[in-house]
């Protein structure tokens, strides 16, 4: 989406700019969802750690992360999600700026 924005922002109509300006709202929703996911993961990891320390009853441990690939894949997913959220914020803010100050961009684009 960011590449589309960079290459075509100058040619978007007011309605299209308004649509892109909503990207910041969407980014906020994604950030909130990601926060919930990370919090849930923290609880899973914490619970596994507490159960694995209970030497009397190891069967209680859920072992939520069973493969050595699980945690890196999870962290890569979180990093990509944050990168996408940042891109949405940049596009949304740029669209809002173009709507609020169109004269700034007319001058630059005519050069």
PDB file of N, CA and C in Angstrom:
ATOM      1  N   UNK A   1       0.821  -1.188   0.000  1.00  0.00           N
ATOM      2  CA  UNK A   1       0.000   0.000   0.000  1.00  0.00           C
ATOM      3  C   UNK A   1       0.870   1.257   0.000  1.00  0.00           C
ATOM      4  N   UNK A   2       1.981   1.207   0.735  1.00  0.00           N
ATOM      5  CA  UNK A   2       2.846   2.377   0.809  1.00  0.00           C
ATOM      6  C   UNK A   2       3.454   2.692  -0.556  1.00  0.00           C
ATOM      7  N   UNK A   3       3.829   1.664  -1.298  1.00  0.00           N
ATOM      8  CA  UNK A   3       4.390   1.870  -2.632  1.00  0.00           C
ATOM      9  C   UNK A   3       3.345   2.496  -3.558  1.00  0.00           C
ATOM     10  N   UNK A   4       2.129   2.005  -3.489  1.00  0.00           N
ATOM     11  CA  UNK A   4       1.029   2.595  -4.258  1.00  0.00           C
ATOM     12  C   UNK A   4       0.873   4.063  -3.901  1.00  0.00           C
ATOM     13  N   UNK A   5       0.919   4.345  -2.626  1.00  0.00           N
ATOM     14  CA  UNK A   5       0.776   5.716  -2.155  1.00  0.00           C
ATOM     15  C   UNK A   5       1.882   6.604  -2.720  1.00  0.00           C
ATOM     16  N   UNK A   6       3.123   6.172  -2.571  1.00  0.00           N
ATOM     17  CA  UNK A   6       4.254   6.991  -3.017  1.00  0.00           C
ATOM     18  C   UNK A   6       4.194   7.309  -4.509  1.00  0.00           C
ATOM     19  N   UNK A   7       3.779   6.353  -5.302  1.00  0.00           N
ATOM     20  CA  UNK A   7       3.770   6.540  -6.750  1.00  0.00           C
ATOM     21  C   UNK A   7       2.549   7.311  -7.260  1.00  0.00           C
ATOM     22  N   UNK A   8       1.470   7.340  -6.503  1.00  0.00           N
ATOM     23  CA  UNK A   8       0.226   7.897  -7.032  1.00  0.00           C
ATOM     24  C   UNK A   8      -0.423   8.981  -6.181  1.00  0.00           C
ATOM     25  N   UNK A   9       0.162   9.340  -5.065  1.00  0.00           N
ATOM     26  CA  UNK A   9      -0.479  10.292  -4.150  1.00  0.00           C
ATOM     27  C   UNK A   9      -0.852  11.599  -4.841  1.00  0.00           C
ATOM     28  N   UNK A  10      -0.025  12.048  -5.754  1.00  0.00           N
ATOM     29  CA  UNK A  10      -0.287  13.329  -6.424  1.00  0.00           C
ATOM     30  C   UNK A  10      -1.525  13.284  -7.313  1.00  0.00           C
ATOM     31  N   UNK A  11      -1.916  12.111  -7.749  1.00  0.00           N
ATOM     32  CA  UNK A  11      -3.041  12.013  -8.683  1.00  0.00           C
ATOM     33  C   UNK A  11      -4.361  11.606  -8.027  1.00  0.00           C
ATOM     34  N   UNK A  12      -4.372  11.388  -6.728  1.00  0.00           N
ATOM     35  CA  UNK A  12      -5.596  10.959  -6.062  1.00  0.00           C
ATOM     36  C   UNK A  12      -6.594  12.108  -5.939  1.00  0.00           C
ATOM     37  N   UNK A  13      -7.866  11.767  -6.075  1.00  0.00           N
ATOM     38  CA  UNK A  13      -8.936  12.743  -5.883  1.00  0.00           C
ATOM     39  C   UNK A  13      -9.126  13.004  -4.389  1.00  0.00           C
ATOM     40  N   UNK A  14      -9.922  14.003  -4.072  1.00  0.00           N
ATOM     41  CA  UNK A  14     -10.221  14.314  -2.668  1.00  0.00           C
ATOM     42  C   UNK A  14     -10.862  13.110  -1.977  1.00  0.00           C
ATOM     43  N   UNK A  15     -11.775  12.439  -2.668  1.00  0.00           N
ATOM     44  CA  UNK A  15     -12.445  11.261  -2.087  1.00  0.00           C
ATOM     45  C   UNK A  15     -11.436  10.145  -1.810  1.00  0.00           C
ATOM     46  N   UNK A  16     -10.509   9.952  -2.726  1.00  0.00           N
ATOM     47  CA  UNK A  16      -9.494   8.919  -2.523  1.00  0.00           C
ATOM     48  C   UNK A  16      -8.562   9.295  -1.366  1.00  0.00           C
ATOM     49  N   UNK A  17      -8.202  10.564  -1.278  1.00  0.00           N
ATOM     50  CA  UNK A  17      -7.368  11.014  -0.157  1.00  0.00           C
ATOM     51  C   UNK A  17      -8.094  10.814   1.170  1.00  0.00           C
ATOM     52  N   UNK A  18      -9.391  11.069   1.186  1.00  0.00           N
ATOM     53  CA  UNK A  18     -10.173  10.851   2.411  1.00  0.00           C
ATOM     54  C   UNK A  18     -10.164   9.379   2.793  1.00  0.00           C
ATOM     55  N   UNK A  19     -10.263   8.510   1.787  1.00  0.00           N
ATOM     56  CA  UNK A  19     -10.218   7.065   2.073  1.00  0.00           C
ATOM     57  C   UNK A  19      -8.856   6.696   2.662  1.00  0.00           C
ATOM     58  N   UNK A  20      -7.778   7.174   2.059  1.00  0.00           N
ATOM     59  CA  UNK A  20      -6.435   6.870   2.565  1.00  0.00           C
ATOM     60  C   UNK A  20      -6.201   7.479   3.943  1.00  0.00           C
ATOM     61  N   UNK A  21      -6.834   8.604   4.225  1.00  0.00           N
ATOM     62  CA  UNK A  21      -6.650   9.227   5.543  1.00  0.00           C
ATOM     63  C   UNK A  21      -7.206   8.346   6.661  1.00  0.00           C
ATOM     64  N   UNK A  22      -8.112   7.442   6.308  1.00  0.00           N
ATOM     65  CA  UNK A  22      -8.644   6.494   7.299  1.00  0.00           C
ATOM     66  C   UNK A  22      -7.650   5.423   7.696  1.00  0.00           C
ATOM     67  N   UNK A  23      -6.509   5.377   7.033  1.00  0.00           N
ATOM     68  CA  UNK A  23      -5.494   4.359   7.357  1.00  0.00           C
ATOM     69  C   UNK A  23      -4.994   4.500   8.786  1.00  0.00           C
ATOM     70  N   UNK A  24      -4.967   5.722   9.302  1.00  0.00           N
ATOM     71  CA  UNK A  24      -4.495   5.888  10.680  1.00  0.00           C
ATOM     72  C   UNK A  24      -5.472   5.253  11.671  1.00  0.00           C
ATOM     73  N   UNK A  25      -6.763   5.355  11.390  1.00  0.00           N
ATOM     74  CA  UNK A  25      -7.755   4.706  12.260  1.00  0.00           C
ATOM     75  C   UNK A  25      -7.587   3.187  12.219  1.00  0.00           C
ATOM     76  N   UNK A  26      -7.391   2.668  11.013  1.00  0.00           N
ATOM     77  CA  UNK A  26      -7.183   1.230  10.858  1.00  0.00           C
ATOM     78  C   UNK A  26      -5.910   0.795  11.571  1.00  0.00           C
ATOM     79  N   UNK A  27      -4.865   1.603  11.482  1.00  0.00           N
ATOM     80  CA  UNK A  27      -3.602   1.294  12.174  1.00  0.00           C
ATOM     81  C   UNK A  27      -3.829   1.227  13.685  1.00  0.00           C
ATOM     82  N   UNK A  28      -4.637   2.124  14.200  1.00  0.00           N
ATOM     83  CA  UNK A  28      -4.940   2.109  15.629  1.00  0.00           C
ATOM     84  C   UNK A  28      -5.654   0.837  16.046  1.00  0.00           C
ATOM     85  N   UNK A  29      -6.590   0.388  15.208  1.00  0.00           N
ATOM     86  CA  UNK A  29      -7.294  -0.868  15.514  1.00  0.00           C
ATOM     87  C   UNK A  29      -6.327  -2.051  15.470  1.00  0.00           C
ATOM     88  N   UNK A  30      -5.445  -2.072  14.465  1.00  0.00           N
ATOM     89  CA  UNK A  30      -4.464  -3.155  14.367  1.00  0.00           C
ATOM     90  C   UNK A  30      -3.521  -3.160  15.563  1.00  0.00           C
ATOM     91  N   UNK A  31      -3.090  -1.975  15.972  1.00  0.00           N
ATOM     92  CA  UNK A  31      -2.194  -1.881  17.128  1.00  0.00           C
ATOM     93  C   UNK A  31      -2.880  -2.401  18.388  1.00  0.00           C
ATOM     94  N   UNK A  32      -4.142  -2.069  18.544  1.00  0.00           N
ATOM     95  CA  UNK A  32      -4.897  -2.553  19.708  1.00  0.00           C
ATOM     96  C   UNK A  32      -5.043  -4.073  19.670  1.00  0.00           C
ATOM     97  N   UNK A  33      -5.343  -4.617  18.487  1.00  0.00           N
ATOM     98  CA  UNK A  33      -5.450  -6.074  18.347  1.00  0.00           C
ATOM     99  C   UNK A  33      -4.112  -6.752  18.632  1.00  0.00           C
ATOM    100  N   UNK A  34      -3.039  -6.173  18.114  1.00  0.00           N
ATOM    101  CA  UNK A  34      -1.711  -6.747  18.343  1.00  0.00           C
ATOM    102  C   UNK A  34      -1.351  -6.694  19.821  1.00  0.00           C
ATOM    103  N   UNK A  35      -1.728  -5.626  20.483  1.00  0.00           N
ATOM    104  CA  UNK A  35      -1.491  -5.517  21.921  1.00  0.00           C
ATOM    105  C   UNK A  35      -2.193  -6.650  22.669  1.00  0.00           C
ATOM    106  N   UNK A  36      -3.431  -6.934  22.289  1.00  0.00           N
ATOM    107  CA  UNK A  36      -4.181  -8.020  22.926  1.00  0.00           C
ATOM    108  C   UNK A  36      -3.502  -9.369  22.690  1.00  0.00           C
ATOM    109  N   UNK A  37      -3.022  -9.584  21.467  1.00  0.00           N
ATOM    110  CA  UNK A  37      -2.350 -10.845  21.141  1.00  0.00           C
ATOM    111  C   UNK A  37      -1.073 -10.985  21.963  1.00  0.00           C
ATOM    112  N   UNK A  38      -0.280  -9.930  22.029  1.00  0.00           N
ATOM    113  CA  UNK A  38       0.982  -9.987  22.770  1.00  0.00           C
ATOM    114  C   UNK A  38       0.720 -10.205  24.258  1.00  0.00           C
ATOM    115  N   UNK A  39      -0.309  -9.559  24.768  1.00  0.00           N
ATOM    116  CA  UNK A  39      -0.661  -9.749  26.183  1.00  0.00           C
ATOM    117  C   UNK A  39      -1.063 -11.205  26.448  1.00  0.00           C
ATOM    118  N   UNK A  40      -1.857 -11.774  25.531  1.00  0.00           N
ATOM    119  CA  UNK A  40      -2.244 -13.177  25.667  1.00  0.00           C
ATOM    120  C   UNK A  40      -1.045 -14.100  25.601  1.00  0.00           C
ATOM    121  N   UNK A  41      -0.114 -13.805  24.720  1.00  0.00           N
ATOM    122  CA  UNK A  41       1.107 -14.611  24.630  1.00  0.00           C
ATOM    123  C   UNK A  41       1.917 -14.510  25.910  1.00  0.00           C
ATOM    124  N   UNK A  42       1.985 -13.311  26.453  1.00  0.00           N
ATOM    125  CA  UNK A  42       2.689 -13.143  27.728  1.00  0.00           C
ATOM    126  C   UNK A  42       2.077 -14.008  28.820  1.00  0.00           C
ATOM    127  N   UNK A  43       0.758 -14.075  28.836  1.00  0.00           N
ATOM    128  CA  UNK A  43       0.079 -14.921  29.827  1.00  0.00           C
ATOM    129  C   UNK A  43       0.385 -16.398  29.590  1.00  0.00           C
ATOM    130  N   UNK A  44       0.378 -16.833  28.335  1.00  0.00           N
ATOM    131  CA  UNK A  44       0.699 -18.232  28.019  1.00  0.00           C
ATOM    132  C   UNK A  44       2.109 -18.592  28.475  1.00  0.00           C
ATOM    133  N   UNK A  45       3.056 -17.719  28.157  1.00  0.00           N
ATOM    134  CA  UNK A  45       4.450 -17.974  28.514  1.00  0.00           C
ATOM    135  C   UNK A  45       4.616 -17.970  30.025  1.00  0.00           C
ATOM    136  N   UNK A  46       3.985 -17.021  30.678  1.00  0.00           N
ATOM    137  CA  UNK A  46       4.069 -16.943  32.135  1.00  0.00           C
ATOM    138  C   UNK A  46       3.482 -18.187  32.788  1.00  0.00           C
ATOM    139  N   UNK A  47       2.341 -18.626  32.280  1.00  0.00           N
ATOM    140  CA  UNK A  47       1.677 -19.812  32.836  1.00  0.00           C
ATOM    141  C   UNK A  47       2.536 -21.065  32.618  1.00  0.00           C
ATOM    142  N   UNK A  48       3.111 -21.185  31.434  1.00  0.00           N
ATOM    143  CA  UNK A  48       3.998 -22.322  31.179  1.00  0.00           C
ATOM    144  C   UNK A  48       5.186 -22.305  32.122  1.00  0.00           C
ATOM    145  N   UNK A  49       5.760 -21.117  32.336  1.00  0.00           N
ATOM    146  CA  UNK A  49       6.914 -21.008  33.226  1.00  0.00           C
ATOM    147  C   UNK A  49       6.562 -21.387  34.642  1.00  0.00           C
ATOM    148  N   UNK A  50       5.409 -20.945  35.119  1.00  0.00           N
ATOM    149  CA  UNK A  50       4.980 -21.275  36.483  1.00  0.00           C
ATOM    150  C   UNK A  50       4.710 -22.761  36.622  1.00  0.00           C
ATOM    151  N   UNK A  51       4.104 -23.359  35.612  1.00  0.00           N
ATOM    152  CA  UNK A  51       3.790 -24.787  35.681  1.00  0.00           C
ATOM    153  C   UNK A  51       5.038 -25.646  35.559  1.00  0.00           C
ATOM    154  N   UNK A  52       6.012 -25.217  34.757  1.00  0.00           N
ATOM    155  CA  UNK A  52       7.219 -26.028  34.596  1.00  0.00           C
ATOM    156  C   UNK A  52       8.072 -26.001  35.853  1.00  0.00           C
ATOM    157  N   UNK A  53       7.908 -24.981  36.678  1.00  0.00           N
ATOM    158  CA  UNK A  53       8.643 -24.905  37.939  1.00  0.00           C
ATOM    159  C   UNK A  53       8.025 -25.801  39.005  1.00  0.00           C
ATOM    160  N   UNK A  54       6.790 -26.246  38.785  1.00  0.00           N
ATOM    161  CA  UNK A  54       6.114 -27.144  39.724  1.00  0.00           C
ATOM    162  C   UNK A  54       6.626 -28.565  39.482  1.00  0.00           C
ATOM    163  N   UNK A  55       7.628 -28.952  40.236  1.00  0.00           N
ATOM    164  CA  UNK A  55       8.290 -30.253  40.048  1.00  0.00           C
ATOM    165  C   UNK A  55       7.374 -31.429  40.390  1.00  0.00           C
ATOM    166  N   UNK A  56       6.331 -31.187  41.173  1.00  0.00           N
ATOM    167  CA  UNK A  56       5.464 -32.280  41.606  1.00  0.00           C
ATOM    168  C   UNK A  56       4.464 -32.692  40.535  1.00  0.00           C
ATOM    169  N   UNK A  57       4.110 -31.760  39.631  1.00  0.00           N
ATOM    170  CA  UNK A  57       3.093 -32.101  38.643  1.00  0.00           C
ATOM    171  C   UNK A  57       3.427 -31.479  37.284  1.00  0.00           C
ATOM    172  N   UNK A  58       4.358 -32.093  36.571  1.00  0.00           N
ATOM    173  CA  UNK A  58       4.790 -31.588  35.264  1.00  0.00           C
ATOM    174  C   UNK A  58       3.691 -31.725  34.211  1.00  0.00           C
ATOM    175  N   UNK A  59       2.690 -32.555  34.437  1.00  0.00           N
ATOM    176  CA  UNK A  59       1.629 -32.734  33.445  1.00  0.00           C
ATOM    177  C   UNK A  59       0.776 -31.479  33.292  1.00  0.00           C
ATOM    178  N   UNK A  60       0.892 -30.541  34.227  1.00  0.00           N
ATOM    179  CA  UNK A  60       0.139 -29.304  34.139  1.00  0.00           C
ATOM    180  C   UNK A  60       0.692 -28.357  33.078  1.00  0.00           C
ATOM    181  N   UNK A  61       1.957 -28.557  32.664  1.00  0.00           N
ATOM    182  CA  UNK A  61       2.602 -27.653  31.718  1.00  0.00           C
ATOM    183  C   UNK A  61       2.017 -27.851  30.317  1.00  0.00           C
ATOM    184  N   UNK A  62       1.500 -26.789  29.731  1.00  0.00           N
ATOM    185  CA  UNK A  62       0.874 -26.877  28.414  1.00  0.00           C
ATOM    186  C   UNK A  62       1.907 -26.907  27.292  1.00  0.00           C
ATOM    187  N   UNK A  63       3.113 -26.437  27.557  1.00  0.00           N
ATOM    188  CA  UNK A  63       4.181 -26.365  26.553  1.00  0.00           C
ATOM    189  C   UNK A  63       3.669 -25.715  25.272  1.00  0.00           C
ATOM    190  N   UNK A  64       3.229 -24.471  25.396  1.00  0.00           N
ATOM    191  CA  UNK A  64       2.650 -23.755  24.268  1.00  0.00           C
ATOM    192  C   UNK A  64       3.618 -23.539  23.120  1.00  0.00           C
ATOM    193  N   UNK A  65       4.893 -23.425  23.407  1.00  0.00           N
ATOM    194  CA  UNK A  65       5.914 -23.266  22.376  1.00  0.00           C
ATOM    195  C   UNK A  65       6.770 -24.524  22.371  1.00  0.00           C
ATOM    196  N   UNK A  66       6.414 -25.445  21.487  1.00  0.00           N
ATOM    197  CA  UNK A  66       7.049 -26.757  21.497  1.00  0.00           C
ATOM    198  C   UNK A  66       8.222 -26.872  20.536  1.00  0.00           C
ATOM    199  N   UNK A  67       8.275 -26.036  19.526  1.00  0.00           N
ATOM    200  CA  UNK A  67       9.343 -26.097  18.534  1.00  0.00           C
ATOM    201  C   UNK A  67      10.258 -24.891  18.696  1.00  0.00           C
ATOM    202  N   UNK A  68      11.542 -25.086  18.391  1.00  0.00           N
ATOM    203  CA  UNK A  68      12.462 -23.954  18.484  1.00  0.00           C
ATOM    204  C   UNK A  68      12.177 -22.911  17.400  1.00  0.00           C
ATOM    205  N   UNK A  69      11.315 -23.227  16.452  1.00  0.00           N
ATOM    206  CA  UNK A  69      10.919 -22.274  15.410  1.00  0.00           C
ATOM    207  C   UNK A  69       9.742 -21.396  15.839  1.00  0.00           C
ATOM    208  N   UNK A  70       9.019 -21.808  16.858  1.00  0.00           N
ATOM    209  CA  UNK A  70       7.798 -21.099  17.253  1.00  0.00           C
ATOM    210  C   UNK A  70       8.046 -19.652  17.656  1.00  0.00           C
ATOM    211  N   UNK A  71       8.993 -19.425  18.524  1.00  0.00           N
ATOM    212  CA  UNK A  71       9.216 -18.065  19.034  1.00  0.00           C
ATOM    213  C   UNK A  71       9.789 -17.148  17.963  1.00  0.00           C
ATOM    214  N   UNK A  72      10.819 -17.561  17.192  1.00  0.00           N
ATOM    215  CA  UNK A  72      11.282 -16.655  16.131  1.00  0.00           C
ATOM    216  C   UNK A  72      10.180 -16.309  15.135  1.00  0.00           C
ATOM    217  N   UNK A  73       9.365 -17.285  14.733  1.00  0.00           N
ATOM    218  CA  UNK A  73       8.281 -17.013  13.786  1.00  0.00           C
ATOM    219  C   UNK A  73       7.283 -16.015  14.384  1.00  0.00           C
ATOM    220  N   UNK A  74       6.997 -16.171  15.643  1.00  0.00           N
ATOM    221  CA  UNK A  74       6.087 -15.261  16.328  1.00  0.00           C
ATOM    222  C   UNK A  74       6.664 -13.844  16.371  1.00  0.00           C
ATOM    223  N   UNK A  75       7.942 -13.733  16.698  1.00  0.00           N
ATOM    224  CA  UNK A  75       8.567 -12.420  16.766  1.00  0.00           C
ATOM    225  C   UNK A  75       8.670 -11.770  15.384  1.00  0.00           C
ATOM    226  N   UNK A  76       8.929 -12.576  14.340  1.00  0.00           N
ATOM    227  CA  UNK A  76       8.953 -12.032  12.978  1.00  0.00           C
ATOM    228  C   UNK A  76       7.571 -11.519  12.589  1.00  0.00           C
ATOM    229  N   UNK A  77       6.536 -12.258  12.971  1.00  0.00           N
ATOM    230  CA  UNK A  77       5.167 -11.821  12.695  1.00  0.00           C
ATOM    231  C   UNK A  77       4.867 -10.491  13.385  1.00  0.00           C
ATOM    232  N   UNK A  78       5.269 -10.371  14.638  1.00  0.00           N
ATOM    233  CA  UNK A  78       5.036  -9.132  15.383  1.00  0.00           C
ATOM    234  C   UNK A  78       5.785  -7.974  14.721  1.00  0.00           C
ATOM    235  N   UNK A  79       7.029  -8.212  14.310  1.00  0.00           N
ATOM    236  CA  UNK A  79       7.813  -7.163  13.646  1.00  0.00           C
ATOM    237  C   UNK A  79       7.148  -6.723  12.338  1.00  0.00           C
ATOM    238  N   UNK A  80       6.678  -7.685  11.527  1.00  0.00           N
ATOM    239  CA  UNK A  80       5.992  -7.346  10.272  1.00  0.00           C
ATOM    240  C   UNK A  80       4.703  -6.573  10.554  1.00  0.00           C
ATOM    241  N   UNK A  81       3.995  -6.977  11.591  1.00  0.00           N
ATOM    242  CA  UNK A  81       2.752  -6.283  11.945  1.00  0.00           C
ATOM    243  C   UNK A  81       3.034  -4.833  12.334  1.00  0.00           C
ATOM    244  N   UNK A  82       4.068  -4.616  13.121  1.00  0.00           N
ATOM    245  CA  UNK A  82       4.419  -3.255  13.517  1.00  0.00           C
ATOM    246  C   UNK A  82       4.865  -2.428  12.312  1.00  0.00           C
ATOM    247  N   UNK A  83       5.579  -3.056  11.386  1.00  0.00           N
ATOM    248  CA  UNK A  83       5.993  -2.366  10.163  1.00  0.00           C
ATOM    249  C   UNK A  83       4.769  -1.958   9.344  1.00  0.00           C
ATOM    250  N   UNK A  84       3.790  -2.847   9.230  1.00  0.00           N
ATOM    251  CA  UNK A  84       2.556  -2.528   8.507  1.00  0.00           C
ATOM    252  C   UNK A  84       1.788  -1.397   9.189  1.00  0.00           C
ATOM    253  N   UNK A  85       1.726  -1.440  10.491  1.00  0.00           N
ATOM    254  CA  UNK A  85       1.041  -0.382  11.244  1.00  0.00           C
ATOM    255  C   UNK A  85       1.725   0.958  11.008  1.00  0.00           C
ATOM    256  N   UNK A  86       3.056   0.965  11.042  1.00  0.00           N
ATOM    257  CA  UNK A  86       3.802   2.202  10.797  1.00  0.00           C
ATOM    258  C   UNK A  86       3.526   2.731   9.389  1.00  0.00           C
ATOM    259  N   UNK A  87       3.496   1.840   8.400  1.00  0.00           N
ATOM    260  CA  UNK A  87       3.197   2.251   7.030  1.00  0.00           C
ATOM    261  C   UNK A  87       1.815   2.852   6.907  1.00  0.00           C
ATOM    262  N   UNK A  88       0.838   2.248   7.562  1.00  0.00           N
ATOM    263  CA  UNK A  88      -0.526   2.787   7.535  1.00  0.00           C
ATOM    264  C   UNK A  88      -0.593   4.174   8.162  1.00  0.00           C
ATOM    265  N   UNK A  89       0.134   4.356   9.244  1.00  0.00           N
ATOM    266  CA  UNK A  89       0.155   5.670   9.898  1.00  0.00           C
ATOM    267  C   UNK A  89       0.769   6.712   8.973  1.00  0.00           C
ATOM    268  N   UNK A  90       1.871   6.358   8.315  1.00  0.00           N
ATOM    269  CA  UNK A  90       2.524   7.301   7.403  1.00  0.00           C
ATOM    270  C   UNK A  90       1.613   7.677   6.244  1.00  0.00           C
ATOM    271  N   UNK A  91       0.955   6.695   5.652  1.00  0.00           N
ATOM    272  CA  UNK A  91       0.049   6.972   4.534  1.00  0.00           C
ATOM    273  C   UNK A  91      -1.128   7.823   5.008  1.00  0.00           C
ATOM    274  N   UNK A  92      -1.727   7.435   6.119  1.00  0.00           N
ATOM    275  CA  UNK A  92      -2.874   8.186   6.638  1.00  0.00           C
ATOM    276  C   UNK A  92      -2.522   9.618   6.987  1.00  0.00           C
ATOM    277  N   UNK A  93      -1.378   9.806   7.643  1.00  0.00           N
ATOM    278  CA  UNK A  93      -0.954  11.164   7.992  1.00  0.00           C
ATOM    279  C   UNK A  93      -0.654  11.992   6.749  1.00  0.00           C
ATOM    280  N   UNK A  94      -0.015  11.380   5.765  1.00  0.00           N
ATOM    281  CA  UNK A  94       0.293  12.091   4.528  1.00  0.00           C
ATOM    282  C   UNK A  94      -0.991  12.489   3.798  1.00  0.00           C
ATOM    283  N   UNK A  95      -1.966  11.585   3.760  1.00  0.00           N
ATOM    284  CA  UNK A  95      -3.250  11.897   3.117  1.00  0.00           C
ATOM    285  C   UNK A  95      -3.953  13.036   3.848  1.00  0.00           C
ATOM    286  N   UNK A  96      -3.939  13.000   5.161  1.00  0.00           N
ATOM    287  CA  UNK A  96      -4.567  14.079   5.937  1.00  0.00           C
ATOM    288  C   UNK A  96      -3.876  15.408   5.666  1.00  0.00           C
ATOM    289  N   UNK A  97      -2.545  15.371   5.557  1.00  0.00           N
ATOM    290  CA  UNK A  97      -1.795  16.588   5.277  1.00  0.00           C
ATOM    291  C   UNK A  97      -2.125  17.127   3.888  1.00  0.00           C
ATOM    292  N   UNK A  98      -2.246  16.232   2.908  1.00  0.00           N
ATOM    293  CA  UNK A  98      -2.605  16.662   1.542  1.00  0.00           C
ATOM    294  C   UNK A  98      -4.011  17.271   1.515  1.00  0.00           C
ATOM    295  N   UNK A  99      -4.916  16.744   2.317  1.00  0.00           N
ATOM    296  CA  UNK A  99      -6.271  17.298   2.377  1.00  0.00           C
ATOM    297  C   UNK A  99      -6.282  18.655   3.070  1.00  0.00           C
ATOM    298  N   UNK A 100      -5.499  18.791   4.129  1.00  0.00           N
ATOM    299  CA  UNK A 100      -5.495  20.034   4.900  1.00  0.00           C
ATOM    300  C   UNK A 100      -4.733  21.159   4.197  1.00  0.00           C
ATOM    301  N   UNK A 101      -3.678  20.806   3.457  1.00  0.00           N
ATOM    302  CA  UNK A 101      -2.817  21.818   2.833  1.00  0.00           C
ATOM    303  C   UNK A 101      -2.529  21.485   1.373  1.00  0.00           C
ATOM    304  N   UNK A 102      -3.560  21.434   0.536  1.00  0.00           N
ATOM    305  CA  UNK A 102      -3.340  21.050  -0.868  1.00  0.00           C
ATOM    306  C   UNK A 102      -2.413  22.001  -1.618  1.00  0.00           C
ATOM    307  N   UNK A 103      -2.385  23.272  -1.193  1.00  0.00           N
ATOM    308  CA  UNK A 103      -1.532  24.245  -1.880  1.00  0.00           C
ATOM    309  C   UNK A 103      -0.047  23.899  -1.762  1.00  0.00           C
ATOM    310  N   UNK A 104       0.354  23.291  -0.685  1.00  0.00           N
ATOM    311  CA  UNK A 104       1.760  22.877  -0.512  1.00  0.00           C
ATOM    312  C   UNK A 104       2.177  21.882  -1.593  1.00  0.00           C
ATOM    313  N   UNK A 105       1.274  21.001  -1.912  1.00  0.00           N
ATOM    314  CA  UNK A 105       1.605  19.918  -2.840  1.00  0.00           C
ATOM    315  C   UNK A 105       1.465  20.351  -4.292  1.00  0.00           C
ATOM    316  N   UNK A 106       0.596  21.295  -4.565  1.00  0.00           N
ATOM    317  CA  UNK A 106       0.481  21.806  -5.935  1.00  0.00           C
ATOM    318  C   UNK A 106       1.770  22.475  -6.371  1.00  0.00           C
ATOM    319  N   UNK A 107       2.387  23.210  -5.467  1.00  0.00           N
ATOM    320  CA  UNK A 107       3.644  23.887  -5.768  1.00  0.00           C
ATOM    321  C   UNK A 107       4.758  22.892  -6.030  1.00  0.00           C
ATOM    322  N   UNK A 108       4.879  21.893  -5.193  1.00  0.00           N
ATOM    323  CA  UNK A 108       5.937  20.892  -5.320  1.00  0.00           C
ATOM    324  C   UNK A 108       5.742  20.057  -6.579  1.00  0.00           C
ATOM    325  N   UNK A 109       4.533  19.662  -6.870  1.00  0.00           N
ATOM    326  CA  UNK A 109       4.257  18.795  -8.001  1.00  0.00           C
ATOM    327  C   UNK A 109       4.397  19.506  -9.336  1.00  0.00           C
ATOM    328  N   UNK A 110       4.274  20.840  -9.324  1.00  0.00           N
ATOM    329  CA  UNK A 110       4.392  21.575 -10.584  1.00  0.00           C
ATOM    330  C   UNK A 110       5.848  21.855 -10.968  1.00  0.00           C
ATOM    331  N   UNK A 111       6.777  21.602 -10.071  1.00  0.00           N
ATOM    332  CA  UNK A 111       8.208  21.853 -10.363  1.00  0.00           C
ATOM    333  C   UNK A 111       8.754  20.910 -11.363  1.00  0.00           C
TER     334      UNK A 111
END
